[in-house]
PDB file of N, CA and C in Angstrom:
ATOM      1  N   UNK A   1      32.773-109.932-103.711  1.00  0.00           N
ATOM      2  CA  UNK A   1      32.772-109.275-102.425  1.00  0.00           C
ATOM      3  C   UNK A   1      31.418-109.364-101.728  1.00  0.00           C
ATOM      4  N   UNK A   2      30.392-109.640-102.432  1.00  0.00           N
ATOM      5  CA  UNK A   2      29.062-109.717-101.829  1.00  0.00           C
ATOM      6  C   UNK A   2      28.989-110.789-100.758  1.00  0.00           C
ATOM      7  N   UNK A   3      29.689-111.901-100.952  1.00  0.00           N
ATOM      8  CA  UNK A   3      29.671-112.984 -99.974  1.00  0.00           C
ATOM      9  C   UNK A   3      30.222-112.510 -98.633  1.00  0.00           C
ATOM     10  N   UNK A   4      31.260-111.696 -98.659  1.00  0.00           N
ATOM     11  CA  UNK A   4      31.857-111.178 -97.426  1.00  0.00           C
ATOM     12  C   UNK A   4      30.856-110.331 -96.650  1.00  0.00           C
ATOM     13  N   UNK A   5      30.171-109.433 -97.338  1.00  0.00           N
ATOM     14  CA  UNK A   5      29.169-108.603 -96.673  1.00  0.00           C
ATOM     15  C   UNK A   5      28.067-109.452 -96.078  1.00  0.00           C
ATOM     16  N   UNK A   6      27.699-110.509 -96.751  1.00  0.00           N
ATOM     17  CA  UNK A   6      26.661-111.389 -96.246  1.00  0.00           C
ATOM     18  C   UNK A   6      27.089-112.039 -94.936  1.00  0.00           C
ATOM     19  N   UNK A   7      28.347-112.422 -94.820  1.00  0.00           N
ATOM     20  CA  UNK A   7      28.832-113.003 -93.571  1.00  0.00           C
ATOM     21  C   UNK A   7      28.748-111.988 -92.436  1.00  0.00           C
ATOM     22  N   UNK A   8      29.128-110.751 -92.706  1.00  0.00           N
ATOM     23  CA  UNK A   8      29.028-109.705 -91.696  1.00  0.00           C
ATOM     24  C   UNK A   8      27.571-109.468 -91.321  1.00  0.00           C
ATOM     25  N   UNK A   9      26.704-109.450 -92.313  1.00  0.00           N
ATOM     26  CA  UNK A   9      25.279-109.243 -92.048  1.00  0.00           C
ATOM     27  C   UNK A   9      24.690-110.371 -91.213  1.00  0.00           C
ATOM     28  N   UNK A  10      25.133-111.591 -91.432  1.00  0.00           N
ATOM     29  CA  UNK A  10      24.661-112.723 -90.620  1.00  0.00           C
ATOM     30  C   UNK A  10      25.072-112.544 -89.162  1.00  0.00           C
ATOM     31  N   UNK A  11      26.298-112.084 -88.941  1.00  0.00           N
ATOM     32  CA  UNK A  11      26.770-111.822 -87.575  1.00  0.00           C
ATOM     33  C   UNK A  11      25.889-110.754 -86.927  1.00  0.00           C
ATOM     34  N   UNK A  12      25.592-109.703 -87.651  1.00  0.00           N
ATOM     35  CA  UNK A  12      24.774-108.621 -87.110  1.00  0.00           C
ATOM     36  C   UNK A  12      23.359-109.098 -86.780  1.00  0.00           C
ATOM     37  N   UNK A  13      22.775-109.889 -87.664  1.00  0.00           N
ATOM     38  CA  UNK A  13      21.431-110.413 -87.391  1.00  0.00           C
ATOM     39  C   UNK A  13      21.438-111.353 -86.186  1.00  0.00           C
ATOM     40  N   UNK A  14      22.503-112.124 -86.029  1.00  0.00           N
ATOM     41  CA  UNK A  14      22.638-113.026 -84.886  1.00  0.00           C
ATOM     42  C   UNK A  14      22.669-112.243 -83.564  1.00  0.00           C
ATOM     43  N   UNK A  15      23.186-111.022 -83.626  1.00  0.00           N
ATOM     44  CA  UNK A  15      23.269-110.173 -82.436  1.00  0.00           C
ATOM     45  C   UNK A  15      22.105-109.177 -82.366  1.00  0.00           C
ATOM     46  N   UNK A  16      21.036-109.458 -83.079  1.00  0.00           N
ATOM     47  CA  UNK A  16      19.783-108.691 -83.039  1.00  0.00           C
ATOM     48  C   UNK A  16      19.899-107.258 -83.554  1.00  0.00           C
ATOM     49  N   UNK A  17      20.727-107.031 -84.547  1.00  0.00           N
ATOM     50  CA  UNK A  17      20.775-105.737 -85.211  1.00  0.00           C
ATOM     51  C   UNK A  17      19.721-105.716 -86.307  1.00  0.00           C
ATOM     52  N   UNK A  18      19.225-104.552 -86.640  1.00  0.00           N
ATOM     53  CA  UNK A  18      18.282-104.435 -87.734  1.00  0.00           C
ATOM     54  C   UNK A  18      18.742-103.351 -88.683  1.00  0.00           C
ATOM     55  N   UNK A  19      18.414-103.544 -89.956  1.00  0.00           N
ATOM     56  CA  UNK A  19      18.920-102.665 -91.016  1.00  0.00           C
ATOM     57  C   UNK A  19      18.080-101.406 -91.126  1.00  0.00           C
ATOM     58  N   UNK A  20      18.759-100.289 -91.246  1.00  0.00           N
ATOM     59  CA  UNK A  20      18.113 -99.003 -91.495  1.00  0.00           C
ATOM     60  C   UNK A  20      18.181 -98.701 -92.981  1.00  0.00           C
ATOM     61  N   UNK A  21      17.169 -98.079 -93.490  1.00  0.00           N
ATOM     62  CA  UNK A  21      17.177 -97.640 -94.887  1.00  0.00           C
ATOM     63  C   UNK A  21      17.857 -96.278 -94.952  1.00  0.00           C
ATOM     64  N   UNK A  22      18.964 -96.212 -95.697  1.00  0.00           N
ATOM     65  CA  UNK A  22      19.697 -94.954 -95.803  1.00  0.00           C
ATOM     66  C   UNK A  22      20.332 -94.855 -97.180  1.00  0.00           C
ATOM     67  N   UNK A  23      19.525 -94.662 -98.165  1.00  0.00           N
ATOM     68  CA  UNK A  23      20.037 -94.537 -99.522  1.00  0.00           C
ATOM     69  C   UNK A  23      20.786 -95.781 -99.954  1.00  0.00           C
ATOM     70  N   UNK A  24      22.019 -95.618-100.412  1.00  0.00           N
ATOM     71  CA  UNK A  24      22.812 -96.737-100.896  1.00  0.00           C
ATOM     72  C   UNK A  24      23.643 -97.405 -99.818  1.00  0.00           C
ATOM     73  N   UNK A  25      23.764 -96.774 -98.633  1.00  0.00           N
ATOM     74  CA  UNK A  25      24.584 -97.346 -97.565  1.00  0.00           C
ATOM     75  C   UNK A  25      23.798 -98.345 -96.741  1.00  0.00           C
ATOM     76  N   UNK A  26      24.494 -99.397 -96.294  1.00  0.00           N
ATOM     77  CA  UNK A  26      23.864-100.363 -95.398  1.00  0.00           C
ATOM     78  C   UNK A  26      24.265-100.002 -93.974  1.00  0.00           C
ATOM     79  N   UNK A  27      23.287 -99.586 -93.194  1.00  0.00           N
ATOM     80  CA  UNK A  27      23.529 -99.235 -91.804  1.00  0.00           C
ATOM     81  C   UNK A  27      22.654-100.129 -90.937  1.00  0.00           C
ATOM     82  N   UNK A  28      23.288-100.788 -89.973  1.00  0.00           N
ATOM     83  CA  UNK A  28      22.572-101.630 -89.017  1.00  0.00           C
ATOM     84  C   UNK A  28      22.612-100.956 -87.664  1.00  0.00           C
ATOM     85  N   UNK A  29      21.572-101.189 -86.862  1.00  0.00           N
ATOM     86  CA  UNK A  29      21.449-100.517 -85.586  1.00  0.00           C
ATOM     87  C   UNK A  29      20.891-101.464 -84.531  1.00  0.00           C
ATOM     88  N   UNK A  30      21.322-101.229 -83.302  1.00  0.00           N
ATOM     89  CA  UNK A  30      20.783-101.964 -82.162  1.00  0.00           C
ATOM     90  C   UNK A  30      20.777-100.995 -80.992  1.00  0.00           C
ATOM     91  N   UNK A  31      19.767-101.069 -80.144  1.00  0.00           N
ATOM     92  CA  UNK A  31      19.723-100.211 -78.968  1.00  0.00           C
ATOM     93  C   UNK A  31      19.757-101.070 -77.717  1.00  0.00           C
ATOM     94  N   UNK A  32      20.568-100.647 -76.772  1.00  0.00           N
ATOM     95  CA  UNK A  32      20.713-101.351 -75.505  1.00  0.00           C
ATOM     96  C   UNK A  32      20.525-100.344 -74.384  1.00  0.00           C
ATOM     97  N   UNK A  33      19.916-100.757 -73.275  1.00  0.00           N
ATOM     98  CA  UNK A  33      19.716 -99.840 -72.159  1.00  0.00           C
ATOM     99  C   UNK A  33      21.034 -99.450 -71.509  1.00  0.00           C
ATOM    100  N   UNK A  34      22.022-100.330 -71.528  1.00  0.00           N
ATOM    101  CA  UNK A  34      23.308-100.016 -70.898  1.00  0.00           C
ATOM    102  C   UNK A  34      24.307 -99.365 -71.854  1.00  0.00           C
ATOM    103  N   UNK A  35      24.179 -99.630 -73.159  1.00  0.00           N
ATOM    104  CA  UNK A  35      25.141 -99.114 -74.134  1.00  0.00           C
ATOM    105  C   UNK A  35      24.606 -97.960 -74.975  1.00  0.00           C
ATOM    106  N   UNK A  36      23.317 -97.783 -75.013  1.00  0.00           N
ATOM    107  CA  UNK A  36      22.725 -96.818 -75.928  1.00  0.00           C
ATOM    108  C   UNK A  36      22.667 -97.413 -77.321  1.00  0.00           C
ATOM    109  N   UNK A  37      22.863 -96.590 -78.321  1.00  0.00           N
ATOM    110  CA  UNK A  37      22.818 -97.064 -79.706  1.00  0.00           C
ATOM    111  C   UNK A  37      24.150 -97.632 -80.155  1.00  0.00           C
ATOM    112  N   UNK A  38      24.078 -98.712 -80.905  1.00  0.00           N
ATOM    113  CA  UNK A  38      25.260 -99.301 -81.542  1.00  0.00           C
ATOM    114  C   UNK A  38      24.967 -99.296 -83.035  1.00  0.00           C
ATOM    115  N   UNK A  39      25.836 -98.667 -83.791  1.00  0.00           N
ATOM    116  CA  UNK A  39      25.632 -98.506 -85.226  1.00  0.00           C
ATOM    117  C   UNK A  39      26.749 -99.195 -85.992  1.00  0.00           C
ATOM    118  N   UNK A  40      26.388 -99.865 -87.079  1.00  0.00           N
ATOM    119  CA  UNK A  40      27.373-100.542 -87.914  1.00  0.00           C
ATOM    120  C   UNK A  40      27.101-100.183 -89.369  1.00  0.00           C
ATOM    121  N   UNK A  41      28.122 -99.633 -90.020  1.00  0.00           N
ATOM    122  CA  UNK A  41      28.046 -99.347 -91.445  1.00  0.00           C
ATOM    123  C   UNK A  41      28.773-100.475 -92.162  1.00  0.00           C
ATOM    124  N   UNK A  42      28.071-101.165 -93.057  1.00  0.00           N
ATOM    125  CA  UNK A  42      28.651-102.293 -93.790  1.00  0.00           C
ATOM    126  C   UNK A  42      29.072-101.800 -95.160  1.00  0.00           C
ATOM    127  N   UNK A  43      30.351-101.964 -95.429  1.00  0.00           N
ATOM    128  CA  UNK A  43      30.902-101.628 -96.745  1.00  0.00           C
ATOM    129  C   UNK A  43      31.368-102.904 -97.403  1.00  0.00           C
ATOM    130  N   UNK A  44      31.971-102.820 -98.578  1.00  0.00           N
ATOM    131  CA  UNK A  44      32.328-104.016 -99.342  1.00  0.00           C
ATOM    132  C   UNK A  44      33.204-104.981 -98.560  1.00  0.00           C
ATOM    133  N   UNK A  45      34.258-104.505 -97.956  1.00  0.00           N
ATOM    134  CA  UNK A  45      35.198-105.414 -97.293  1.00  0.00           C
ATOM    135  C   UNK A  45      35.370-105.132 -95.815  1.00  0.00           C
ATOM    136  N   UNK A  46      34.473-104.331 -95.227  1.00  0.00           N
ATOM    137  CA  UNK A  46      34.633-104.030 -93.810  1.00  0.00           C
ATOM    138  C   UNK A  46      33.328-103.593 -93.163  1.00  0.00           C
ATOM    139  N   UNK A  47      33.365-103.616 -91.832  1.00  0.00           N
ATOM    140  CA  UNK A  47      32.252-103.135 -91.023  1.00  0.00           C
ATOM    141  C   UNK A  47      32.807-102.065 -90.091  1.00  0.00           C
ATOM    142  N   UNK A  48      32.157-100.923 -90.052  1.00  0.00           N
ATOM    143  CA  UNK A  48      32.550 -99.824 -89.183  1.00  0.00           C
ATOM    144  C   UNK A  48      31.562 -99.750 -88.022  1.00  0.00           C
ATOM    145  N   UNK A  49      32.039 -99.972 -86.805  1.00  0.00           N
ATOM    146  CA  UNK A  49      31.185-100.007 -85.617  1.00  0.00           C
ATOM    147  C   UNK A  49      31.369 -98.704 -84.854  1.00  0.00           C
ATOM    148  N   UNK A  50      30.245 -98.100 -84.477  1.00  0.00           N
ATOM    149  CA  UNK A  50      30.268 -96.845 -83.745  1.00  0.00           C
ATOM    150  C   UNK A  50      29.334 -96.963 -82.541  1.00  0.00           C
ATOM    151  N   UNK A  51      29.881 -96.712 -81.332  1.00  0.00           N
ATOM    152  CA  UNK A  51      29.093 -96.695 -80.106  1.00  0.00           C
ATOM    153  C   UNK A  51      29.316 -95.325 -79.468  1.00  0.00           C
ATOM    154  N   UNK A  52      28.422 -94.365 -79.738  1.00  0.00           N
ATOM    155  CA  UNK A  52      28.629 -92.990 -79.278  1.00  0.00           C
ATOM    156  C   UNK A  52      28.750 -92.845 -77.756  1.00  0.00           C
ATOM    157  N   UNK A  53      27.961 -93.572 -76.998  1.00  0.00           N
ATOM    158  CA  UNK A  53      27.989 -93.452 -75.532  1.00  0.00           C
ATOM    159  C   UNK A  53      29.348 -93.801 -74.947  1.00  0.00           C
ATOM    160  N   UNK A  54      30.040 -94.752 -75.559  1.00  0.00           N
ATOM    161  CA  UNK A  54      31.354 -95.186 -75.073  1.00  0.00           C
ATOM    162  C   UNK A  54      32.504 -94.551 -75.856  1.00  0.00           C
ATOM    163  N   UNK A  55      32.157 -93.727 -76.843  1.00  0.00           N
ATOM    164  CA  UNK A  55      33.151 -93.097 -77.726  1.00  0.00           C
ATOM    165  C   UNK A  55      34.064 -94.128 -78.388  1.00  0.00           C
ATOM    166  N   UNK A  56      33.431 -95.183 -78.884  1.00  0.00           N
ATOM    167  CA  UNK A  56      34.160 -96.258 -79.566  1.00  0.00           C
ATOM    168  C   UNK A  56      33.859 -96.195 -81.055  1.00  0.00           C
ATOM    169  N   UNK A  57      34.896 -96.245 -81.852  1.00  0.00           N
ATOM    170  CA  UNK A  57      34.758 -96.362 -83.302  1.00  0.00           C
ATOM    171  C   UNK A  57      35.796 -97.376 -83.756  1.00  0.00           C
ATOM    172  N   UNK A  58      35.335 -98.518 -84.259  1.00  0.00           N
ATOM    173  CA  UNK A  58      36.244 -99.592 -84.678  1.00  0.00           C
ATOM    174  C   UNK A  58      35.921-100.029 -86.092  1.00  0.00           C
ATOM    175  N   UNK A  59      36.951-100.493 -86.774  1.00  0.00           N
ATOM    176  CA  UNK A  59      36.808-101.011 -88.125  1.00  0.00           C
ATOM    177  C   UNK A  59      37.193-102.486 -88.119  1.00  0.00           C
ATOM    178  N   UNK A  60      36.355-103.313 -88.729  1.00  0.00           N
ATOM    179  CA  UNK A  60      36.608-104.754 -88.788  1.00  0.00           C
ATOM    180  C   UNK A  60      36.622-105.207 -90.238  1.00  0.00           C
ATOM    181  N   UNK A  61      37.612-106.036 -90.564  1.00  0.00           N
ATOM    182  CA  UNK A  61      37.713-106.549 -91.926  1.00  0.00           C
ATOM    183  C   UNK A  61      37.316-108.020 -92.009  1.00  0.00           C
ATOM    184  N   UNK A  62      37.054-108.635 -90.873  1.00  0.00           N
ATOM    185  CA  UNK A  62      36.630-110.045 -90.843  1.00  0.00           C
ATOM    186  C   UNK A  62      35.398-110.202 -89.970  1.00  0.00           C
ATOM    187  N   UNK A  63      34.507-111.070 -90.420  1.00  0.00           N
ATOM    188  CA  UNK A  63      33.278-111.332 -89.670  1.00  0.00           C
ATOM    189  C   UNK A  63      33.590-111.937 -88.300  1.00  0.00           C
ATOM    190  N   UNK A  64      34.610-112.755 -88.198  1.00  0.00           N
ATOM    191  CA  UNK A  64      34.960-113.379 -86.918  1.00  0.00           C
ATOM    192  C   UNK A  64      35.437-112.337 -85.903  1.00  0.00           C
ATOM    193  N   UNK A  65      36.157-111.315 -86.366  1.00  0.00           N
ATOM    194  CA  UNK A  65      36.588-110.233 -85.472  1.00  0.00           C
ATOM    195  C   UNK A  65      35.378-109.463 -84.951  1.00  0.00           C
ATOM    196  N   UNK A  66      34.440-109.190 -85.837  1.00  0.00           N
ATOM    197  CA  UNK A  66      33.220-108.477 -85.456  1.00  0.00           C
ATOM    198  C   UNK A  66      32.429-109.289 -84.448  1.00  0.00           C
ATOM    199  N   UNK A  67      32.308-110.588 -84.689  1.00  0.00           N
ATOM    200  CA  UNK A  67      31.586-111.485 -83.774  1.00  0.00           C
ATOM    201  C   UNK A  67      32.197-111.444 -82.375  1.00  0.00           C
ATOM    202  N   UNK A  68      33.515-111.554 -82.289  1.00  0.00           N
ATOM    203  CA  UNK A  68      34.193-111.516 -80.985  1.00  0.00           C
ATOM    204  C   UNK A  68      33.982-110.188 -80.276  1.00  0.00           C
ATOM    205  N   UNK A  69      34.086-109.088 -81.004  1.00  0.00           N
ATOM    206  CA  UNK A  69      33.914-107.767 -80.414  1.00  0.00           C
ATOM    207  C   UNK A  69      32.503-107.584 -79.870  1.00  0.00           C
ATOM    208  N   UNK A  70      31.486-107.934 -80.661  1.00  0.00           N
ATOM    209  CA  UNK A  70      30.099-107.776 -80.215  1.00  0.00           C
ATOM    210  C   UNK A  70      29.801-108.655 -79.004  1.00  0.00           C
ATOM    211  N   UNK A  71      30.315-109.884 -79.012  1.00  0.00           N
ATOM    212  CA  UNK A  71      30.119-110.777 -77.859  1.00  0.00           C
ATOM    213  C   UNK A  71      30.783-110.206 -76.614  1.00  0.00           C
ATOM    214  N   UNK A  72      31.984-109.692 -76.766  1.00  0.00           N
ATOM    215  CA  UNK A  72      32.715-109.112 -75.645  1.00  0.00           C
ATOM    216  C   UNK A  72      31.969-107.914 -75.065  1.00  0.00           C
ATOM    217  N   UNK A  73      31.511-107.022 -75.915  1.00  0.00           N
ATOM    218  CA  UNK A  73      30.771-105.840 -75.461  1.00  0.00           C
ATOM    219  C   UNK A  73      29.493-106.258 -74.739  1.00  0.00           C
ATOM    220  N   UNK A  74      28.739-107.174 -75.319  1.00  0.00           N
ATOM    221  CA  UNK A  74      27.482-107.605 -74.710  1.00  0.00           C
ATOM    222  C   UNK A  74      27.717-108.304 -73.380  1.00  0.00           C
ATOM    223  N   UNK A  75      28.707-109.170 -73.300  1.00  0.00           N
ATOM    224  CA  UNK A  75      28.965-109.924 -72.075  1.00  0.00           C
ATOM    225  C   UNK A  75      29.517-109.065 -70.952  1.00  0.00           C
ATOM    226  N   UNK A  76      30.301-108.066 -71.273  1.00  0.00           N
ATOM    227  CA  UNK A  76      30.901-107.214 -70.234  1.00  0.00           C
ATOM    228  C   UNK A  76      29.966-106.139 -69.726  1.00  0.00           C
ATOM    229  N   UNK A  77      29.135-105.572 -70.589  1.00  0.00           N
ATOM    230  CA  UNK A  77      28.343-104.423 -70.183  1.00  0.00           C
ATOM    231  C   UNK A  77      26.891-104.728 -69.901  1.00  0.00           C
ATOM    232  N   UNK A  78      26.305-105.687 -70.556  1.00  0.00           N
ATOM    233  CA  UNK A  78      24.877-105.989 -70.345  1.00  0.00           C
ATOM    234  C   UNK A  78      24.553-106.459 -68.920  1.00  0.00           C
ATOM    235  N   UNK A  79      25.396-107.248 -68.251  1.00  0.00           N
ATOM    236  CA  UNK A  79      25.043-107.694 -66.894  1.00  0.00           C
ATOM    237  C   UNK A  79      24.908-106.567 -65.877  1.00  0.00           C
ATOM    238  N   UNK A  80      25.424-105.378 -66.170  1.00  0.00           N
ATOM    239  CA  UNK A  80      25.391-104.274 -65.218  1.00  0.00           C
ATOM    240  C   UNK A  80      24.117-103.452 -65.305  1.00  0.00           C
ATOM    241  N   UNK A  81      23.121-103.932 -66.013  1.00  0.00           N
ATOM    242  CA  UNK A  81      21.866-103.184 -66.152  1.00  0.00           C
ATOM    243  C   UNK A  81      21.137-103.142 -64.827  1.00  0.00           C
TER     244      UNK A  81
END
Protein backbone atom coordinates (compact mmCIF):
# COMPACT_ATOMS: atom_id res chain seq x y z
CA UNK A 1 0.00 0.00 0.00
CA UNK A 2 2.93 2.36 0.40
CA UNK A 3 3.23 2.76 -3.37
CA UNK A 4 -0.34 4.09 -3.55
CA UNK A 5 0.32 6.75 -0.93
CA UNK A 6 3.44 7.77 -2.79
CA UNK A 7 1.41 8.39 -5.95
CA UNK A 8 -1.00 10.60 -4.00
CA UNK A 9 1.92 12.43 -2.40
CA UNK A 10 3.45 13.08 -5.83
CA UNK A 11 0.17 14.64 -6.98
CA UNK A 12 0.11 16.85 -3.88
CA UNK A 13 3.71 17.98 -4.35
CA UNK A 14 2.97 18.74 -8.02
CA UNK A 15 0.20 21.07 -6.83
CA UNK A 16 2.53 22.80 -4.32
CA UNK A 17 1.23 21.21 -1.12
CA UNK A 18 3.60 20.81 1.79
CA UNK A 19 3.55 18.23 4.56
CA UNK A 20 2.70 19.15 8.12
CA UNK A 21 4.14 17.22 11.03
CA UNK A 22 1.25 15.78 13.02
CA UNK A 23 2.23 12.68 14.90
CA UNK A 24 1.57 9.55 12.84
CA UNK A 25 -0.86 11.16 10.37
CA UNK A 26 0.26 12.59 7.05
CA UNK A 27 -1.40 15.95 6.54
CA UNK A 28 -0.62 18.15 3.54
CA UNK A 29 -1.57 21.79 3.31
CA UNK A 30 -1.71 24.58 0.77
CA UNK A 31 -2.92 28.16 1.17
CA UNK A 32 -4.53 30.16 -1.59
CA UNK A 33 -5.74 33.77 -1.48
CA UNK A 34 -9.01 32.83 -3.19
CA UNK A 35 -9.63 29.44 -1.52
CA UNK A 36 -8.06 29.83 1.90
CA UNK A 37 -6.55 26.66 3.31
CA UNK A 38 -6.75 23.33 1.52
CA UNK A 39 -5.97 20.33 3.70
CA UNK A 40 -5.37 16.74 2.65
CA UNK A 41 -5.09 13.80 5.02
CA UNK A 42 -3.30 10.87 3.36
CA UNK A 43 -4.25 7.43 4.58
CA UNK A 44 -3.27 3.99 3.27
CA UNK A 45 -5.71 3.79 0.38
CA UNK A 46 -7.26 7.24 0.20
CA UNK A 47 -6.86 10.99 0.42
CA UNK A 48 -9.34 13.11 2.36
CA UNK A 49 -9.56 16.69 1.03
CA UNK A 50 -11.01 19.45 3.18
CA UNK A 51 -11.56 23.07 2.04
CA UNK A 52 -13.22 24.87 4.98
CA UNK A 53 -13.96 28.14 3.13
CA UNK A 54 -16.02 26.30 0.50
CA UNK A 55 -17.38 23.69 2.94
CA UNK A 56 -16.02 20.90 0.76
CA UNK A 57 -14.99 17.53 2.13
CA UNK A 58 -14.15 14.85 -0.44
CA UNK A 59 -12.60 11.41 -0.31
CA UNK A 60 -10.46 10.09 -3.16
CA UNK A 61 -9.29 6.52 -3.64
CA UNK A 62 -7.24 7.15 -6.80
CA UNK A 63 -4.43 9.58 -7.47
CA UNK A 64 -5.90 10.42 -10.89
CA UNK A 65 -9.21 11.48 -9.29
CA UNK A 66 -7.34 13.71 -6.85
CA UNK A 67 -5.31 15.23 -9.70
CA UNK A 68 -8.46 16.09 -11.67
CA UNK A 69 -10.19 17.60 -8.64
CA UNK A 70 -7.22 19.79 -7.66
CA UNK A 71 -6.77 20.98 -11.26
CA UNK A 72 -10.47 21.78 -11.53
CA UNK A 73 -10.50 23.75 -8.27
CA UNK A 74 -7.36 25.70 -9.19
CA UNK A 75 -8.50 26.49 -12.73
CA UNK A 76 -12.01 27.59 -11.76
CA UNK A 77 -11.27 29.67 -8.68
CA UNK A 78 -7.73 31.01 -8.98
CA UNK A 79 -8.42 33.32 -11.99
CA UNK A 80 -10.92 35.31 -9.90
CA UNK A 81 -8.25 36.69 -7.57
